[in-house]
Amino acid sequence: MSTALSDPAGFIRDNTAIAQATLVPEISLHLATEITPIWQASEVYLEQIGIEPPFWAFAWPGSQLIARFILDNPGHVQGRRVLDVACGCGLAAIAAA
């Protein structure tokens, strides 16, 4: 069993860095950066050890844009339920919360 499956929180701590997305500097996330092992690992290696590509470890531009809009216009989500699906590391959901 890979470390990612047996200790997901430890895997995230060990393979990401706390950083801010460019468009949303007020929110810190565990992200893959140029200095983190998960960034440097190839997709082939990750597949060999049974780990899916870490799409969750990136603050995708679309997610940053949605989060920026929510932070700048909180009235659009205030008092509503917000569903963040496949937008990149939950950044939009965090901004909405």
N, C-alpha and C. Protein backbone atom coordinates (compact mmCIF):
# COMPACT_ATOMS: atom_id res chain seq x y z
N MET A 1 0.85 -1.19 0.00
CA MET A 1 0.00 0.00 0.00
C MET A 1 0.89 1.24 0.00
N SER A 2 0.59 2.18 -0.85
CA SER A 2 1.41 3.37 -0.94
C SER A 2 1.16 4.29 0.25
N THR A 3 2.12 5.17 0.49
CA THR A 3 1.99 6.14 1.57
C THR A 3 0.75 7.00 1.39
N ALA A 4 0.43 7.33 0.15
CA ALA A 4 -0.73 8.17 -0.13
C ALA A 4 -2.02 7.53 0.39
N LEU A 5 -2.11 6.20 0.31
CA LEU A 5 -3.31 5.51 0.75
C LEU A 5 -3.31 5.27 2.25
N SER A 6 -2.15 4.98 2.82
CA SER A 6 -2.10 4.67 4.25
C SER A 6 -2.09 5.91 5.14
N ASP A 7 -1.55 7.01 4.65
CA ASP A 7 -1.49 8.25 5.42
C ASP A 7 -1.66 9.45 4.48
N PRO A 8 -2.89 9.69 4.02
CA PRO A 8 -3.11 10.76 3.04
C PRO A 8 -2.63 12.14 3.52
N ALA A 9 -2.89 12.47 4.78
CA ALA A 9 -2.48 13.78 5.29
C ALA A 9 -0.96 13.91 5.30
N GLY A 10 -0.28 12.85 5.71
CA GLY A 10 1.19 12.86 5.70
C GLY A 10 1.75 12.97 4.30
N PHE A 11 1.11 12.26 3.36
CA PHE A 11 1.54 12.33 1.96
C PHE A 11 1.44 13.76 1.44
N ILE A 12 0.34 14.41 1.75
CA ILE A 12 0.14 15.79 1.29
C ILE A 12 1.18 16.71 1.94
N ARG A 13 1.38 16.57 3.25
CA ARG A 13 2.38 17.40 3.94
C ARG A 13 3.78 17.20 3.36
N ASP A 14 4.13 15.94 3.08
CA ASP A 14 5.49 15.62 2.62
C ASP A 14 5.73 15.97 1.16
N ASN A 15 4.70 16.12 0.37
CA ASN A 15 4.88 16.27 -1.08
C ASN A 15 4.37 17.58 -1.64
N THR A 16 3.93 18.48 -0.79
CA THR A 16 3.46 19.79 -1.25
C THR A 16 4.08 20.87 -0.37
N ALA A 17 3.87 22.08 -0.75
CA ALA A 17 4.33 23.23 0.04
C ALA A 17 3.13 24.15 0.27
N ILE A 18 3.09 24.78 1.42
CA ILE A 18 2.04 25.76 1.66
C ILE A 18 2.39 27.00 0.84
N ALA A 19 1.48 27.36 -0.06
CA ALA A 19 1.73 28.46 -0.99
C ALA A 19 0.41 29.14 -1.31
N GLN A 20 0.50 30.25 -2.01
CA GLN A 20 -0.68 30.99 -2.41
C GLN A 20 -0.76 31.00 -3.94
N ALA A 21 -1.98 30.88 -4.44
CA ALA A 21 -2.21 31.00 -5.87
C ALA A 21 -2.04 32.47 -6.26
N THR A 22 -1.55 32.72 -7.43
CA THR A 22 -1.24 34.07 -7.88
C THR A 22 -2.42 35.03 -7.76
N LEU A 23 -3.59 34.60 -8.20
CA LEU A 23 -4.75 35.49 -8.20
C LEU A 23 -5.48 35.57 -6.87
N VAL A 24 -5.12 34.68 -5.92
CA VAL A 24 -5.82 34.62 -4.64
C VAL A 24 -4.79 34.50 -3.51
N PRO A 25 -3.97 35.53 -3.33
CA PRO A 25 -2.89 35.42 -2.33
C PRO A 25 -3.36 35.37 -0.89
N GLU A 26 -4.62 35.70 -0.64
CA GLU A 26 -5.11 35.68 0.74
C GLU A 26 -5.48 34.30 1.24
N ILE A 27 -5.42 33.27 0.37
CA ILE A 27 -5.74 31.89 0.76
C ILE A 27 -4.50 31.02 0.58
N SER A 28 -4.07 30.35 1.65
CA SER A 28 -2.93 29.44 1.59
C SER A 28 -3.42 28.02 1.37
N LEU A 29 -2.72 27.28 0.51
CA LEU A 29 -3.09 25.91 0.17
C LEU A 29 -1.85 25.02 0.18
N HIS A 30 -2.05 23.73 0.30
CA HIS A 30 -0.98 22.77 0.07
C HIS A 30 -0.91 22.55 -1.43
N LEU A 31 0.14 23.05 -2.09
CA LEU A 31 0.24 22.99 -3.54
C LEU A 31 1.53 22.31 -3.99
N ALA A 32 1.48 21.76 -5.19
CA ALA A 32 2.69 21.29 -5.84
C ALA A 32 3.40 22.52 -6.39
N THR A 33 4.66 22.65 -6.09
CA THR A 33 5.47 23.74 -6.62
C THR A 33 6.74 23.13 -7.22
N GLU A 34 7.54 23.94 -7.84
CA GLU A 34 8.75 23.45 -8.48
C GLU A 34 9.69 22.74 -7.50
N ILE A 35 9.57 23.02 -6.21
CA ILE A 35 10.48 22.43 -5.23
C ILE A 35 9.90 21.20 -4.52
N THR A 36 8.68 20.81 -4.84
CA THR A 36 8.06 19.69 -4.14
C THR A 36 8.24 18.38 -4.90
N PRO A 37 8.36 17.27 -4.17
CA PRO A 37 8.54 15.96 -4.82
C PRO A 37 7.42 15.61 -5.80
N ILE A 38 6.19 15.95 -5.48
CA ILE A 38 5.06 15.58 -6.34
C ILE A 38 5.15 16.29 -7.69
N TRP A 39 5.70 17.48 -7.72
CA TRP A 39 5.89 18.22 -8.97
C TRP A 39 6.96 17.53 -9.81
N GLN A 40 8.01 17.06 -9.14
CA GLN A 40 9.14 16.48 -9.83
C GLN A 40 8.90 15.04 -10.27
N ALA A 41 7.98 14.35 -9.64
CA ALA A 41 7.69 12.96 -10.00
C ALA A 41 7.00 12.91 -11.35
N SER A 42 7.39 11.96 -12.15
CA SER A 42 6.74 11.83 -13.44
C SER A 42 5.43 11.06 -13.30
N GLU A 43 4.55 11.24 -14.25
CA GLU A 43 3.27 10.53 -14.26
C GLU A 43 3.51 9.02 -14.32
N VAL A 44 4.53 8.59 -15.03
CA VAL A 44 4.85 7.17 -15.14
C VAL A 44 5.23 6.61 -13.77
N TYR A 45 6.08 7.33 -13.04
CA TYR A 45 6.48 6.88 -11.71
C TYR A 45 5.28 6.82 -10.77
N LEU A 46 4.45 7.84 -10.80
CA LEU A 46 3.27 7.85 -9.93
C LEU A 46 2.37 6.65 -10.24
N GLU A 47 2.21 6.33 -11.51
CA GLU A 47 1.39 5.18 -11.90
C GLU A 47 1.99 3.88 -11.37
N GLN A 48 3.31 3.76 -11.43
CA GLN A 48 3.98 2.55 -10.95
C GLN A 48 3.76 2.33 -9.46
N ILE A 49 3.67 3.40 -8.69
CA ILE A 49 3.48 3.24 -7.25
C ILE A 49 2.01 3.37 -6.83
N GLY A 50 1.13 3.44 -7.83
CA GLY A 50 -0.31 3.41 -7.55
C GLY A 50 -0.92 4.72 -7.12
N ILE A 51 -0.36 5.82 -7.57
CA ILE A 51 -0.90 7.13 -7.20
C ILE A 51 -1.37 7.84 -8.48
N GLU A 52 -2.60 8.32 -8.44
CA GLU A 52 -3.15 9.08 -9.57
C GLU A 52 -2.38 10.38 -9.72
N PRO A 53 -2.31 10.94 -10.93
CA PRO A 53 -1.67 12.25 -11.09
C PRO A 53 -2.31 13.25 -10.12
N PRO A 54 -1.51 14.09 -9.48
CA PRO A 54 -2.02 14.96 -8.42
C PRO A 54 -2.69 16.23 -8.92
N PHE A 55 -3.79 16.06 -9.66
CA PHE A 55 -4.51 17.22 -10.17
C PHE A 55 -4.98 18.12 -9.04
N TRP A 56 -5.22 17.52 -7.86
CA TRP A 56 -5.68 18.26 -6.69
C TRP A 56 -4.62 19.21 -6.15
N ALA A 57 -3.38 19.04 -6.54
CA ALA A 57 -2.28 19.81 -5.96
C ALA A 57 -1.97 21.09 -6.72
N PHE A 58 -2.81 21.45 -7.64
CA PHE A 58 -2.59 22.65 -8.44
C PHE A 58 -3.78 23.59 -8.33
N ALA A 59 -3.50 24.87 -8.20
CA ALA A 59 -4.57 25.88 -8.22
C ALA A 59 -4.76 26.27 -9.67
N TRP A 60 -5.66 25.57 -10.35
CA TRP A 60 -5.89 25.78 -11.77
C TRP A 60 -6.40 27.19 -12.04
N PRO A 61 -6.06 27.76 -13.18
CA PRO A 61 -6.47 29.14 -13.48
C PRO A 61 -7.98 29.37 -13.34
N GLY A 62 -8.80 28.42 -13.79
CA GLY A 62 -10.25 28.59 -13.68
C GLY A 62 -10.69 28.68 -12.23
N SER A 63 -10.08 27.88 -11.38
CA SER A 63 -10.40 27.91 -9.95
C SER A 63 -9.98 29.23 -9.33
N GLN A 64 -8.81 29.72 -9.72
CA GLN A 64 -8.35 31.00 -9.20
C GLN A 64 -9.30 32.13 -9.61
N LEU A 65 -9.74 32.08 -10.84
CA LEU A 65 -10.65 33.12 -11.33
C LEU A 65 -11.98 33.09 -10.58
N ILE A 66 -12.53 31.89 -10.38
CA ILE A 66 -13.79 31.77 -9.64
C ILE A 66 -13.61 32.25 -8.21
N ALA A 67 -12.50 31.82 -7.57
CA ALA A 67 -12.24 32.24 -6.19
C ALA A 67 -12.07 33.75 -6.09
N ARG A 68 -11.36 34.34 -7.04
CA ARG A 68 -11.16 35.79 -7.04
C ARG A 68 -12.49 36.51 -7.16
N PHE A 69 -13.37 36.02 -8.07
CA PHE A 69 -14.68 36.62 -8.24
C PHE A 69 -15.49 36.54 -6.94
N ILE A 70 -15.46 35.36 -6.29
CA ILE A 70 -16.22 35.18 -5.04
C ILE A 70 -15.69 36.11 -3.96
N LEU A 71 -14.37 36.21 -3.82
CA LEU A 71 -13.80 37.08 -2.78
C LEU A 71 -14.12 38.55 -3.05
N ASP A 72 -14.14 38.93 -4.32
CA ASP A 72 -14.43 40.32 -4.66
C ASP A 72 -15.92 40.63 -4.67
N ASN A 73 -16.77 39.60 -4.79
CA ASN A 73 -18.22 39.77 -4.88
C ASN A 73 -18.94 38.77 -3.98
N PRO A 74 -18.73 38.82 -2.67
CA PRO A 74 -19.29 37.80 -1.78
C PRO A 74 -20.81 37.74 -1.77
N GLY A 75 -21.47 38.79 -2.16
CA GLY A 75 -22.92 38.80 -2.20
C GLY A 75 -23.52 37.77 -3.15
N HIS A 76 -22.75 37.37 -4.15
CA HIS A 76 -23.24 36.38 -5.11
C HIS A 76 -23.38 34.98 -4.49
N VAL A 77 -22.65 34.72 -3.40
CA VAL A 77 -22.73 33.39 -2.79
C VAL A 77 -23.22 33.43 -1.34
N GLN A 78 -23.28 34.60 -0.76
CA GLN A 78 -23.68 34.73 0.64
C GLN A 78 -25.06 34.12 0.87
N GLY A 79 -25.15 33.24 1.86
CA GLY A 79 -26.41 32.60 2.21
C GLY A 79 -26.84 31.51 1.26
N ARG A 80 -25.97 31.11 0.35
CA ARG A 80 -26.29 30.07 -0.63
C ARG A 80 -25.38 28.86 -0.45
N ARG A 81 -25.80 27.75 -1.00
CA ARG A 81 -24.95 26.58 -1.06
C ARG A 81 -24.11 26.66 -2.32
N VAL A 82 -22.84 26.30 -2.18
CA VAL A 82 -21.92 26.37 -3.31
C VAL A 82 -21.32 24.99 -3.53
N LEU A 83 -21.32 24.54 -4.75
CA LEU A 83 -20.75 23.25 -5.10
C LEU A 83 -19.52 23.48 -5.98
N ASP A 84 -18.39 23.02 -5.52
CA ASP A 84 -17.12 23.17 -6.24
C ASP A 84 -16.75 21.79 -6.78
N VAL A 85 -16.91 21.57 -8.08
CA VAL A 85 -16.64 20.27 -8.68
C VAL A 85 -15.52 20.41 -9.71
N ALA A 86 -14.43 19.70 -9.48
CA ALA A 86 -13.31 19.65 -10.42
C ALA A 86 -12.81 21.02 -10.83
N CYS A 87 -12.73 21.92 -9.87
CA CYS A 87 -12.24 23.27 -10.17
C CYS A 87 -10.79 23.47 -9.74
N GLY A 88 -10.18 22.53 -9.08
CA GLY A 88 -8.78 22.66 -8.70
C GLY A 88 -8.57 22.94 -7.24
N CYS A 89 -8.30 21.93 -6.48
CA CYS A 89 -7.90 21.94 -5.07
C CYS A 89 -8.92 22.57 -4.12
N GLY A 90 -10.15 22.74 -4.53
CA GLY A 90 -11.18 23.26 -3.65
C GLY A 90 -11.06 24.75 -3.38
N LEU A 91 -10.25 25.44 -4.16
CA LEU A 91 -10.02 26.85 -3.93
C LEU A 91 -11.29 27.68 -3.98
N ALA A 92 -12.16 27.41 -4.94
CA ALA A 92 -13.40 28.17 -5.03
C ALA A 92 -14.30 27.90 -3.82
N ALA A 93 -14.33 26.66 -3.37
CA ALA A 93 -15.13 26.32 -2.18
C ALA A 93 -14.57 27.01 -0.94
N ILE A 94 -13.27 27.06 -0.82
CA ILE A 94 -12.65 27.74 0.32
C ILE A 94 -12.99 29.22 0.27
N ALA A 95 -12.90 29.83 -0.88
CA ALA A 95 -13.26 31.24 -1.01
C ALA A 95 -14.73 31.47 -0.66
N ALA A 96 -15.59 30.56 -1.08
CA ALA A 96 -17.02 30.70 -0.79
C ALA A 96 -17.30 30.55 0.71
N ALA A 97 -16.55 29.69 1.37
CA ALA A 97 -16.74 29.50 2.82
C ALA A 97 -16.32 30.73 3.57
